[in-house]
Amino acid sequence: MELQINGTTIRVEVKSDLAVARRISAHMERRIREDDWLPYKTKQDALNAWKKLGGIRVDVLQAYGLI
């Protein structure tokens, strides 16, 4: 299955991952729009923490050009 996020195709293996990717995408769009990276001190701190989590989150961050 595929999902378009910010012009980038993200492939997921199971249908439930589509909902996860959409939720993460909405979350990232809000944080970008509001420049809100709390509870982290900086945007970079937030991105570093989220990269460590891996998975779909990293794909979405890459789609937004954040990492």
PDB file of N, CA and C in Angstrom:
ATOM      1  N   MET A   1       0.835  -1.176   0.000  1.00  0.00           N
ATOM      2  CA  MET A   1       0.000   0.000   0.000  1.00  0.00           C
ATOM      3  C   MET A   1       0.882   1.242   0.000  1.00  0.00           C
ATOM      4  N   GLU A   2       0.367   2.296  -0.587  1.00  0.00           N
ATOM      5  CA  GLU A   2       1.127   3.529  -0.705  1.00  0.00           C
ATOM      6  C   GLU A   2       0.306   4.712  -0.237  1.00  0.00           C
ATOM      7  N   LEU A   3       1.025   5.716   0.238  1.00  0.00           N
ATOM      8  CA  LEU A   3       0.412   6.957   0.709  1.00  0.00           C
ATOM      9  C   LEU A   3       1.295   8.103   0.243  1.00  0.00           C
ATOM     10  N   GLN A   4       0.686   9.159  -0.260  1.00  0.00           N
ATOM     11  CA  GLN A   4       1.426  10.349  -0.670  1.00  0.00           C
ATOM     12  C   GLN A   4       1.453  11.343   0.484  1.00  0.00           C
ATOM     13  N   ILE A   5       2.653  11.730   0.893  1.00  0.00           N
ATOM     14  CA  ILE A   5       2.812  12.748   1.926  1.00  0.00           C
ATOM     15  C   ILE A   5       3.792  13.780   1.400  1.00  0.00           C
ATOM     16  N   ASN A   6       3.310  15.011   1.277  1.00  0.00           N
ATOM     17  CA  ASN A   6       4.147  16.115   0.824  1.00  0.00           C
ATOM     18  C   ASN A   6       4.833  15.789  -0.508  1.00  0.00           C
ATOM     19  N   GLY A   7       4.119  15.112  -1.396  1.00  0.00           N
ATOM     20  CA  GLY A   7       4.659  14.768  -2.706  1.00  0.00           C
ATOM     21  C   GLY A   7       5.572  13.559  -2.726  1.00  0.00           C
ATOM     22  N   THR A   8       5.721  12.898  -1.595  1.00  0.00           N
ATOM     23  CA  THR A   8       6.585  11.719  -1.487  1.00  0.00           C
ATOM     24  C   THR A   8       5.726  10.484  -1.243  1.00  0.00           C
ATOM     25  N   THR A   9       6.038   9.422  -1.940  1.00  0.00           N
ATOM     26  CA  THR A   9       5.309   8.173  -1.757  1.00  0.00           C
ATOM     27  C   THR A   9       5.919   7.396  -0.594  1.00  0.00           C
ATOM     28  N   ILE A  10       5.067   7.025   0.334  1.00  0.00           N
ATOM     29  CA  ILE A  10       5.483   6.200   1.463  1.00  0.00           C
ATOM     30  C   ILE A  10       4.776   4.863   1.324  1.00  0.00           C
ATOM     31  N   ARG A  11       5.544   3.806   1.374  1.00  0.00           N
ATOM     32  CA  ARG A  11       4.981   2.461   1.268  1.00  0.00           C
ATOM     33  C   ARG A  11       4.844   1.863   2.658  1.00  0.00           C
ATOM     34  N   VAL A  12       3.695   1.258   2.878  1.00  0.00           N
ATOM     35  CA  VAL A  12       3.444   0.576   4.148  1.00  0.00           C
ATOM     36  C   VAL A  12       3.003  -0.850   3.869  1.00  0.00           C
ATOM     37  N   GLU A  13       3.278  -1.714   4.806  1.00  0.00           N
ATOM     38  CA  GLU A  13       2.983  -3.137   4.624  1.00  0.00           C
ATOM     39  C   GLU A  13       1.544  -3.506   4.996  1.00  0.00           C
ATOM     40  N   VAL A  14       1.031  -2.897   6.055  1.00  0.00           N
ATOM     41  CA  VAL A  14      -0.308  -3.276   6.525  1.00  0.00           C
ATOM     42  C   VAL A  14      -1.219  -2.052   6.562  1.00  0.00           C
ATOM     43  N   LYS A  15      -2.507  -2.309   6.425  1.00  0.00           N
ATOM     44  CA  LYS A  15      -3.483  -1.231   6.330  1.00  0.00           C
ATOM     45  C   LYS A  15      -3.460  -0.320   7.555  1.00  0.00           C
ATOM     46  N   SER A  16      -3.248  -0.874   8.724  1.00  0.00           N
ATOM     47  CA  SER A  16      -3.249  -0.052   9.937  1.00  0.00           C
ATOM     48  C   SER A  16      -2.111   0.963   9.930  1.00  0.00           C
ATOM     49  N   ASP A  17      -1.039   0.670   9.204  1.00  0.00           N
ATOM     50  CA  ASP A  17       0.077   1.609   9.113  1.00  0.00           C
ATOM     51  C   ASP A  17      -0.299   2.862   8.321  1.00  0.00           C
ATOM     52  N   LEU A  18      -1.301   2.764   7.453  1.00  0.00           N
ATOM     53  CA  LEU A  18      -1.780   3.947   6.740  1.00  0.00           C
ATOM     54  C   LEU A  18      -2.314   4.974   7.726  1.00  0.00           C
ATOM     55  N   ALA A  19      -3.100   4.514   8.679  1.00  0.00           N
ATOM     56  CA  ALA A  19      -3.651   5.413   9.693  1.00  0.00           C
ATOM     57  C   ALA A  19      -2.542   6.012  10.550  1.00  0.00           C
ATOM     58  N   VAL A  20      -1.548   5.205  10.875  1.00  0.00           N
ATOM     59  CA  VAL A  20      -0.418   5.687  11.670  1.00  0.00           C
ATOM     60  C   VAL A  20       0.335   6.776  10.899  1.00  0.00           C
ATOM     61  N   ALA A  21       0.607   6.533   9.631  1.00  0.00           N
ATOM     62  CA  ALA A  21       1.329   7.502   8.810  1.00  0.00           C
ATOM     63  C   ALA A  21       0.540   8.799   8.678  1.00  0.00           C
ATOM     64  N   ARG A  22      -0.761   8.699   8.498  1.00  0.00           N
ATOM     65  CA  ARG A  22      -1.602   9.905   8.393  1.00  0.00           C
ATOM     66  C   ARG A  22      -1.590  10.692   9.707  1.00  0.00           C
ATOM     67  N   ARG A  23      -1.657   9.984  10.822  1.00  0.00           N
ATOM     68  CA  ARG A  23      -1.645  10.637  12.128  1.00  0.00           C
ATOM     69  C   ARG A  23      -0.310  11.353  12.360  1.00  0.00           C
ATOM     70  N   ILE A  24       0.784  10.691  12.032  1.00  0.00           N
ATOM     71  CA  ILE A  24       2.109  11.305  12.194  1.00  0.00           C
ATOM     72  C   ILE A  24       2.236  12.513  11.270  1.00  0.00           C
ATOM     73  N   SER A  25       1.732  12.386  10.051  1.00  0.00           N
ATOM     74  CA  SER A  25       1.792  13.490   9.099  1.00  0.00           C
ATOM     75  C   SER A  25       1.039  14.708   9.630  1.00  0.00           C
ATOM     76  N   ALA A  26      -0.159  14.502  10.141  1.00  0.00           N
ATOM     77  CA  ALA A  26      -0.942  15.613  10.694  1.00  0.00           C
ATOM     78  C   ALA A  26      -0.217  16.238  11.880  1.00  0.00           C
ATOM     79  N   HIS A  27       0.385  15.409  12.694  1.00  0.00           N
ATOM     80  CA  HIS A  27       1.143  15.878  13.851  1.00  0.00           C
ATOM     81  C   HIS A  27       2.320  16.746  13.400  1.00  0.00           C
ATOM     82  N   MET A  28       3.064  16.285  12.407  1.00  0.00           N
ATOM     83  CA  MET A  28       4.210  17.038  11.912  1.00  0.00           C
ATOM     84  C   MET A  28       3.772  18.347  11.255  1.00  0.00           C
ATOM     85  N   GLU A  29       2.683  18.312  10.489  1.00  0.00           N
ATOM     86  CA  GLU A  29       2.188  19.531   9.857  1.00  0.00           C
ATOM     87  C   GLU A  29       1.845  20.579  10.904  1.00  0.00           C
ATOM     88  N   ARG A  30       1.203  20.164  11.990  1.00  0.00           N
ATOM     89  CA  ARG A  30       0.858  21.100  13.061  1.00  0.00           C
ATOM     90  C   ARG A  30       2.114  21.663  13.712  1.00  0.00           C
ATOM     91  N   ARG A  31       3.068  20.786  14.017  1.00  0.00           N
ATOM     92  CA  ARG A  31       4.296  21.254  14.676  1.00  0.00           C
ATOM     93  C   ARG A  31       5.061  22.222  13.784  1.00  0.00           C
ATOM     94  N   ILE A  32       5.119  21.939  12.490  1.00  0.00           N
ATOM     95  CA  ILE A  32       5.802  22.831  11.555  1.00  0.00           C
ATOM     96  C   ILE A  32       5.070  24.171  11.487  1.00  0.00           C
ATOM     97  N   ARG A  33       3.758  24.116  11.316  1.00  0.00           N
ATOM     98  CA  ARG A  33       2.941  25.327  11.191  1.00  0.00           C
ATOM     99  C   ARG A  33       3.057  26.217  12.435  1.00  0.00           C
ATOM    100  N   GLU A  34       3.011  25.585  13.618  1.00  0.00           N
ATOM    101  CA  GLU A  34       3.037  26.332  14.871  1.00  0.00           C
ATOM    102  C   GLU A  34       4.449  26.516  15.421  1.00  0.00           C
ATOM    103  N   ASP A  35       5.440  25.932  14.761  1.00  0.00           N
ATOM    104  CA  ASP A  35       6.821  25.941  15.247  1.00  0.00           C
ATOM    105  C   ASP A  35       6.857  25.503  16.711  1.00  0.00           C
ATOM    106  N   ASP A  36       6.170  24.398  16.983  1.00  0.00           N
ATOM    107  CA  ASP A  36       6.022  23.862  18.340  1.00  0.00           C
ATOM    108  C   ASP A  36       6.778  22.549  18.443  1.00  0.00           C
ATOM    109  N   TRP A  37       7.849  22.541  19.226  1.00  0.00           N
ATOM    110  CA  TRP A  37       8.673  21.345  19.361  1.00  0.00           C
ATOM    111  C   TRP A  37       8.704  20.845  20.801  1.00  0.00           C
ATOM    112  N   LEU A  38       7.827  21.401  21.637  1.00  0.00           N
ATOM    113  CA  LEU A  38       7.761  20.981  23.039  1.00  0.00           C
ATOM    114  C   LEU A  38       7.364  19.514  23.120  1.00  0.00           C
ATOM    115  N   PRO A  39       7.856  18.775  24.056  1.00  0.00           N
ATOM    116  CA  PRO A  39       8.592  19.173  25.254  1.00  0.00           C
ATOM    117  C   PRO A  39      10.091  19.331  25.015  1.00  0.00           C
ATOM    118  N   TYR A  40      10.519  19.252  23.767  1.00  0.00           N
ATOM    119  CA  TYR A  40      11.940  19.383  23.455  1.00  0.00           C
ATOM    120  C   TYR A  40      12.331  20.851  23.439  1.00  0.00           C
ATOM    121  N   LYS A  41      13.593  21.133  23.722  1.00  0.00           N
ATOM    122  CA  LYS A  41      14.069  22.515  23.779  1.00  0.00           C
ATOM    123  C   LYS A  41      14.184  23.122  22.389  1.00  0.00           C
ATOM    124  N   THR A  42      14.552  22.299  21.411  1.00  0.00           N
ATOM    125  CA  THR A  42      14.729  22.804  20.053  1.00  0.00           C
ATOM    126  C   THR A  42      14.119  21.836  19.045  1.00  0.00           C
ATOM    127  N   LYS A  43      13.940  22.327  17.842  1.00  0.00           N
ATOM    128  CA  LYS A  43      13.456  21.498  16.744  1.00  0.00           C
ATOM    129  C   LYS A  43      14.416  20.333  16.512  1.00  0.00           C
ATOM    130  N   GLN A  44      15.712  20.628  16.546  1.00  0.00           N
ATOM    131  CA  GLN A  44      16.705  19.582  16.305  1.00  0.00           C
ATOM    132  C   GLN A  44      16.656  18.505  17.376  1.00  0.00           C
ATOM    133  N   ASP A  45      16.445  18.888  18.633  1.00  0.00           N
ATOM    134  CA  ASP A  45      16.312  17.902  19.717  1.00  0.00           C
ATOM    135  C   ASP A  45      15.119  16.982  19.451  1.00  0.00           C
ATOM    136  N   ALA A  46      14.016  17.585  19.012  1.00  0.00           N
ATOM    137  CA  ALA A  46      12.812  16.803  18.712  1.00  0.00           C
ATOM    138  C   ALA A  46      13.080  15.826  17.569  1.00  0.00           C
ATOM    139  N   LEU A  47      13.690  16.317  16.499  1.00  0.00           N
ATOM    140  CA  LEU A  47      13.958  15.465  15.340  1.00  0.00           C
ATOM    141  C   LEU A  47      14.909  14.331  15.696  1.00  0.00           C
ATOM    142  N   ASN A  48      15.920  14.619  16.489  1.00  0.00           N
ATOM    143  CA  ASN A  48      16.862  13.575  16.907  1.00  0.00           C
ATOM    144  C   ASN A  48      16.155  12.492  17.709  1.00  0.00           C
ATOM    145  N   ALA A  49      15.268  12.892  18.598  1.00  0.00           N
ATOM    146  CA  ALA A  49      14.530  11.922  19.410  1.00  0.00           C
ATOM    147  C   ALA A  49      13.618  11.069  18.534  1.00  0.00           C
ATOM    148  N   TRP A  50      12.929  11.704  17.598  1.00  0.00           N
ATOM    149  CA  TRP A  50      11.995  10.963  16.742  1.00  0.00           C
ATOM    150  C   TRP A  50      12.715  10.041  15.778  1.00  0.00           C
ATOM    151  N   LYS A  51      13.906  10.437  15.325  1.00  0.00           N
ATOM    152  CA  LYS A  51      14.678   9.551  14.440  1.00  0.00           C
ATOM    153  C   LYS A  51      15.013   8.247  15.140  1.00  0.00           C
ATOM    154  N   LYS A  52      15.299   8.319  16.429  1.00  0.00           N
ATOM    155  CA  LYS A  52      15.658   7.121  17.188  1.00  0.00           C
ATOM    156  C   LYS A  52      14.503   6.124  17.250  1.00  0.00           C
ATOM    157  N   LEU A  53      13.270   6.623  17.134  1.00  0.00           N
ATOM    158  CA  LEU A  53      12.106   5.742  17.187  1.00  0.00           C
ATOM    159  C   LEU A  53      11.963   4.921  15.910  1.00  0.00           C
ATOM    160  N   GLY A  54      12.494   5.454  14.805  1.00  0.00           N
ATOM    161  CA  GLY A  54      12.498   4.716  13.554  1.00  0.00           C
ATOM    162  C   GLY A  54      11.119   4.508  12.949  1.00  0.00           C
ATOM    163  N   GLY A  55      11.025   3.528  12.080  1.00  0.00           N
ATOM    164  CA  GLY A  55       9.770   3.131  11.465  1.00  0.00           C
ATOM    165  C   GLY A  55       9.137   4.176  10.561  1.00  0.00           C
ATOM    166  N   ILE A  56       7.828   4.191  10.567  1.00  0.00           N
ATOM    167  CA  ILE A  56       7.049   5.075   9.703  1.00  0.00           C
ATOM    168  C   ILE A  56       7.344   6.534  10.015  1.00  0.00           C
ATOM    169  N   ARG A  57       7.600   6.836  11.271  1.00  0.00           N
ATOM    170  CA  ARG A  57       7.888   8.214  11.676  1.00  0.00           C
ATOM    171  C   ARG A  57       9.065   8.786  10.865  1.00  0.00           C
ATOM    172  N   VAL A  58      10.107   7.992  10.682  1.00  0.00           N
ATOM    173  CA  VAL A  58      11.273   8.445   9.917  1.00  0.00           C
ATOM    174  C   VAL A  58      10.884   8.696   8.462  1.00  0.00           C
ATOM    175  N   ASP A  59      10.064   7.833   7.895  1.00  0.00           N
ATOM    176  CA  ASP A  59       9.615   8.023   6.514  1.00  0.00           C
ATOM    177  C   ASP A  59       8.862   9.351   6.365  1.00  0.00           C
ATOM    178  N   VAL A  60       8.002   9.668   7.343  1.00  0.00           N
ATOM    179  CA  VAL A  60       7.231  10.903   7.294  1.00  0.00           C
ATOM    180  C   VAL A  60       8.149  12.110   7.463  1.00  0.00           C
ATOM    181  N   LEU A  61       9.091  12.035   8.398  1.00  0.00           N
ATOM    182  CA  LEU A  61      10.047  13.138   8.590  1.00  0.00           C
ATOM    183  C   LEU A  61      10.838  13.394   7.319  1.00  0.00           C
ATOM    184  N   GLN A  62      11.231  12.329   6.635  1.00  0.00           N
ATOM    185  CA  GLN A  62      11.956  12.470   5.366  1.00  0.00           C
ATOM    186  C   GLN A  62      11.076  13.093   4.298  1.00  0.00           C
ATOM    187  N   ALA A  63       9.803  12.731   4.282  1.00  0.00           N
ATOM    188  CA  ALA A  63       8.873  13.285   3.301  1.00  0.00           C
ATOM    189  C   ALA A  63       8.735  14.796   3.460  1.00  0.00           C
ATOM    190  N   TYR A  64       8.844  15.286   4.690  1.00  0.00           N
ATOM    191  CA  TYR A  64       8.771  16.727   4.948  1.00  0.00           C
ATOM    192  C   TYR A  64      10.144  17.392   4.873  1.00  0.00           C
ATOM    193  N   GLY A  65      11.172  16.632   4.539  1.00  0.00           N
ATOM    194  CA  GLY A  65      12.496  17.200   4.420  1.00  0.00           C
ATOM    195  C   GLY A  65      13.098  17.619   5.752  1.00  0.00           C
ATOM    196  N   LEU A  66      12.622  17.026   6.825  1.00  0.00           N
ATOM    197  CA  LEU A  66      13.110  17.391   8.152  1.00  0.00           C
ATOM    198  C   LEU A  66      14.390  16.647   8.526  1.00  0.00           C
ATOM    199  N   ILE A  67      14.582  15.483   7.919  1.00  0.00           N
ATOM    200  CA  ILE A  67      15.818  14.724   8.159  1.00  0.00           C
ATOM    201  C   ILE A  67      16.347  14.206   6.832  1.00  0.00           C
TER     202      ILE A  67
END
